[in-house]
């Protein structure tokens, strides 16, 4: 199976270098590694052979986000096609690709500020960027509030635990409940005047994106 092939080959190389793995099913696996509080590496491994397609390895160096295929259309940062083959993969090829990825990651950190600058002033505005920027702004607002620092750290700890236990729905719920407890007035007083359900959704999405890198 594709997952088994990935785990015993490129997975070994990437995990030795600090990556974590998430299996999205249907032939799509992501590896992820935090670079900084705001940036991360994501490796997309996809198997499209059931649709007469390829086996593909792609590297994204981008803003911290939920590891899923929305990264393909986000438009921020660096996107590198590492490998694309139409024949059966071998462990040797996949391990070599993992080693290449590690070398690339070790060499492109100098682009970090350029990526953060692009997030603030995108070269090409995709539909995902404004939504992401709202998510990030709401998260940062709460993260930087010293008056709730202890409660916020406890939230992240609890969300990480839910993710480890594969309770993703409950992990999102914790974030939404935390925002609800803060109240709409809390966010409005800090300049966030949006529908409160949207605020909750934005906040819990970015909490999840941050925490999944730290499990």
Protein backbone atom coordinates (compact mmCIF):
# COMPACT_ATOMS: atom_id res chain seq x y z
CA UNK A 1 0.00 0.00 0.00
CA UNK A 2 1.08 3.58 -0.67
CA UNK A 3 1.15 4.56 3.00
CA UNK A 4 3.35 1.58 3.89
CA UNK A 5 5.71 2.43 1.02
CA UNK A 6 5.97 6.02 2.21
CA UNK A 7 6.44 5.21 5.89
CA UNK A 8 9.34 2.79 5.39
CA UNK A 9 11.21 4.92 2.83
CA UNK A 10 10.91 8.71 2.64
CA UNK A 11 9.07 8.67 5.96
CA UNK A 12 12.14 7.37 7.78
CA UNK A 13 14.33 10.13 6.33
CA UNK A 14 11.87 12.93 7.05
CA UNK A 15 11.00 11.79 10.57
CA UNK A 16 14.70 11.61 11.41
CA UNK A 17 14.80 15.28 10.44
CA UNK A 18 11.94 16.41 12.62
CA UNK A 19 8.92 15.98 10.36
CA UNK A 20 5.54 14.74 11.52
CA UNK A 21 3.17 12.78 9.30
CA UNK A 22 -0.56 13.00 8.67
CA UNK A 23 -2.46 10.59 6.44
CA UNK A 24 -5.37 12.27 4.66
CA UNK A 25 -6.44 9.00 3.01
CA UNK A 26 -7.12 8.27 -0.67
CA UNK A 27 -3.44 8.26 -1.50
CA UNK A 28 -2.45 11.60 0.04
CA UNK A 29 0.03 11.94 2.90
CA UNK A 30 1.57 15.09 4.32
CA UNK A 31 4.76 15.56 6.29
CA UNK A 32 5.24 18.81 8.16
CA UNK A 33 7.94 20.60 10.12
CA UNK A 34 7.85 23.97 11.83
CA UNK A 35 10.45 26.51 10.69
CA UNK A 36 9.40 29.43 12.90
CA UNK A 37 6.28 30.62 14.76
CA UNK A 38 4.84 31.77 11.42
CA UNK A 39 6.37 29.46 8.79
CA UNK A 40 6.57 25.73 8.15
CA UNK A 41 7.61 23.11 5.60
CA UNK A 42 4.94 20.79 4.18
CA UNK A 43 5.65 17.77 2.00
CA UNK A 44 2.74 16.46 -0.06
CA UNK A 45 3.02 12.82 -1.14
CA UNK A 46 0.23 11.80 -3.52
CA UNK A 47 -0.59 8.60 -5.39
CA UNK A 48 -2.79 9.15 -8.43
CA UNK A 49 -2.21 5.81 -10.14
CA UNK A 50 -5.84 4.76 -9.68
CA UNK A 51 -6.71 7.62 -12.03
CA UNK A 52 -3.94 6.87 -14.57
CA UNK A 53 -1.89 9.58 -12.92
CA UNK A 54 1.47 9.92 -11.23
CA UNK A 55 3.18 9.59 -7.90
CA UNK A 56 4.13 13.09 -6.82
CA UNK A 57 6.26 14.63 -4.07
CA UNK A 58 5.90 18.38 -3.54
CA UNK A 59 7.52 20.72 -1.02
CA UNK A 60 5.86 23.87 0.30
CA UNK A 61 7.70 26.47 2.40
CA UNK A 62 4.88 28.73 3.44
CA UNK A 63 2.88 30.28 6.27
CA UNK A 64 1.67 27.94 9.01
CA UNK A 65 -1.58 26.40 7.82
CA UNK A 66 -3.64 23.24 8.10
CA UNK A 67 -1.86 20.52 6.08
CA UNK A 68 -4.27 19.84 3.25
CA UNK A 69 -4.56 20.45 -0.48
CA UNK A 70 -5.54 24.09 -0.04
CA UNK A 71 -1.78 24.61 0.14
CA UNK A 72 -1.69 23.92 -3.60
CA UNK A 73 -3.74 27.04 -4.33
CA UNK A 74 -2.62 29.26 -1.43
CA UNK A 75 -0.03 31.06 -3.54
CA UNK A 76 2.25 32.23 -0.72
CA UNK A 77 5.86 31.09 -0.40
CA UNK A 78 7.83 28.41 -2.22
CA UNK A 79 6.35 25.40 -4.02
CA UNK A 80 8.80 22.84 -5.44
CA UNK A 81 7.98 19.70 -7.42
CA UNK A 82 10.54 17.28 -5.96
CA UNK A 83 9.55 14.10 -7.79
CA UNK A 84 6.99 13.00 -10.34
CA UNK A 85 6.97 9.42 -11.66
CA UNK A 86 4.43 7.26 -13.49
CA UNK A 87 5.99 3.89 -12.73
CA UNK A 88 6.09 1.97 -9.48
CA UNK A 89 8.19 3.66 -6.83
CA UNK A 90 11.18 2.05 -5.13
CA UNK A 91 12.33 2.57 -1.56
CA UNK A 92 15.70 3.75 -2.85
CA UNK A 93 14.11 6.45 -4.99
CA UNK A 94 11.87 7.66 -2.19
CA UNK A 95 14.68 7.74 0.37
CA UNK A 96 16.82 9.72 -2.07
CA UNK A 97 13.93 12.15 -2.57
CA UNK A 98 13.66 12.56 1.19
CA UNK A 99 17.37 13.36 1.41
CA UNK A 100 16.94 15.93 -1.34
CA UNK A 101 14.07 17.53 0.55
CA UNK A 102 16.18 17.83 3.70
CA UNK A 103 18.97 19.52 1.74
CA UNK A 104 16.49 21.96 0.18
CA UNK A 105 14.94 22.80 3.54
CA UNK A 106 18.36 23.42 5.05
CA UNK A 107 19.18 25.82 2.23
CA UNK A 108 16.10 27.98 1.76
CA UNK A 109 15.66 29.50 5.21
CA UNK A 110 16.96 32.79 3.84
CA UNK A 111 13.66 33.21 2.04
CA UNK A 112 11.70 33.35 5.30
CA UNK A 113 11.40 37.14 5.47
CA UNK A 114 10.49 37.33 1.78
CA UNK A 115 7.63 34.89 2.43
CA UNK A 116 6.36 36.91 5.38
CA UNK A 117 6.57 40.06 3.26
CA UNK A 118 4.62 38.32 0.49
CA UNK A 119 1.91 37.37 2.97
CA UNK A 120 1.49 41.05 3.86
CA UNK A 121 1.69 42.23 0.22
CA UNK A 122 0.94 39.30 -2.11
CA UNK A 123 2.24 39.35 -5.66
CA UNK A 124 -0.86 37.48 -6.80
CA UNK A 125 -4.01 37.67 -4.68
CA UNK A 126 -5.70 34.28 -4.44
CA UNK A 127 -9.07 33.74 -2.81
CA UNK A 128 -7.45 31.90 0.10
CA UNK A 129 -5.14 34.72 1.18
CA UNK A 130 -7.69 37.18 2.69
CA UNK A 131 -9.32 34.37 4.66
CA UNK A 132 -5.96 33.17 5.93
CA UNK A 133 -4.89 36.67 6.95
CA UNK A 134 -8.07 37.06 9.01
CA UNK A 135 -7.40 33.71 10.70
CA UNK A 136 -3.83 34.68 11.48
CA UNK A 137 -4.74 38.17 12.74
CA UNK A 138 -7.37 36.82 15.15
CA UNK A 139 -4.99 34.15 16.44
CA UNK A 140 -2.17 36.68 16.94
CA UNK A 141 -4.49 39.02 18.78
CA UNK A 142 -5.29 36.33 21.36
CA UNK A 143 -1.74 34.97 21.47
CA UNK A 144 -0.30 38.39 22.32
CA UNK A 145 -2.82 39.16 25.09
CA UNK A 146 -0.75 38.75 28.27
CA UNK A 147 -3.88 38.85 30.46
CA UNK A 148 -4.99 35.42 29.16
CA UNK A 149 -1.56 33.89 28.55
CA UNK A 150 -2.04 30.99 30.97
CA UNK A 151 -5.47 30.08 29.60
CA UNK A 152 -4.22 30.28 26.03
CA UNK A 153 -1.26 27.99 26.72
CA UNK A 154 -3.60 25.50 28.36
CA UNK A 155 -5.86 25.62 25.29
CA UNK A 156 -2.95 24.75 23.00
CA UNK A 157 -1.93 21.91 25.30
CA UNK A 158 -5.46 20.50 25.25
CA UNK A 159 -5.79 20.87 21.47
CA UNK A 160 -2.47 19.06 20.95
CA UNK A 161 -3.72 16.22 23.13
CA UNK A 162 -6.94 15.90 21.11
CA UNK A 163 -4.96 15.82 17.86
CA UNK A 164 -2.65 13.11 19.24
CA UNK A 165 -5.73 11.06 20.09
CA UNK A 166 -7.13 11.66 16.58
CA UNK A 167 -10.03 13.70 17.95
CA UNK A 168 -9.87 16.44 15.33
CA UNK A 169 -13.48 17.50 15.68
CA UNK A 170 -13.04 17.95 19.42
CA UNK A 171 -9.77 19.84 18.80
CA UNK A 172 -11.62 22.37 16.63
CA UNK A 173 -14.43 22.55 19.18
CA UNK A 174 -12.00 23.52 21.94
CA UNK A 175 -10.80 26.47 19.88
CA UNK A 176 -14.31 27.59 19.07
CA UNK A 177 -15.38 27.33 22.71
CA UNK A 178 -12.36 29.36 23.81
CA UNK A 179 -13.27 32.17 21.42
CA UNK A 180 -16.89 32.00 22.56
CA UNK A 181 -15.78 32.35 26.17
CA UNK A 182 -13.79 35.46 25.27
CA UNK A 183 -16.99 36.90 23.72
CA UNK A 184 -17.78 38.98 20.67
CA UNK A 185 -17.17 42.16 22.65
CA UNK A 186 -13.62 41.07 23.41
CA UNK A 187 -12.80 40.90 19.71
CA UNK A 188 -14.79 44.01 18.82
CA UNK A 189 -12.91 46.02 21.45
CA UNK A 190 -9.69 44.93 19.75
CA UNK A 191 -10.87 46.01 16.30
CA UNK A 192 -12.24 42.71 14.97
CA UNK A 193 -15.81 43.43 13.89
CA UNK A 194 -16.92 40.28 12.06
CA UNK A 195 -19.73 37.81 12.40
CA UNK A 196 -18.95 36.02 15.65
CA UNK A 197 -19.34 32.56 14.14
CA UNK A 198 -16.72 33.53 11.57
CA UNK A 199 -14.40 34.72 14.34
CA UNK A 200 -14.78 31.39 16.12
CA UNK A 201 -14.14 29.49 12.90
CA UNK A 202 -11.08 31.54 11.99
CA UNK A 203 -9.61 31.24 15.46
CA UNK A 204 -10.09 27.49 15.89
CA UNK A 205 -8.69 26.82 12.39
CA UNK A 206 -5.44 28.65 13.14
CA UNK A 207 -5.14 27.12 16.60
CA UNK A 208 -5.37 23.70 14.95
CA UNK A 209 -2.82 24.64 12.28
CA UNK A 210 -0.35 25.76 14.93
CA UNK A 211 -0.90 22.86 17.30
CA UNK A 212 -0.64 20.08 14.72
CA UNK A 213 2.97 21.13 14.14
CA UNK A 214 3.75 20.64 17.83
CA UNK A 215 2.21 17.28 18.62
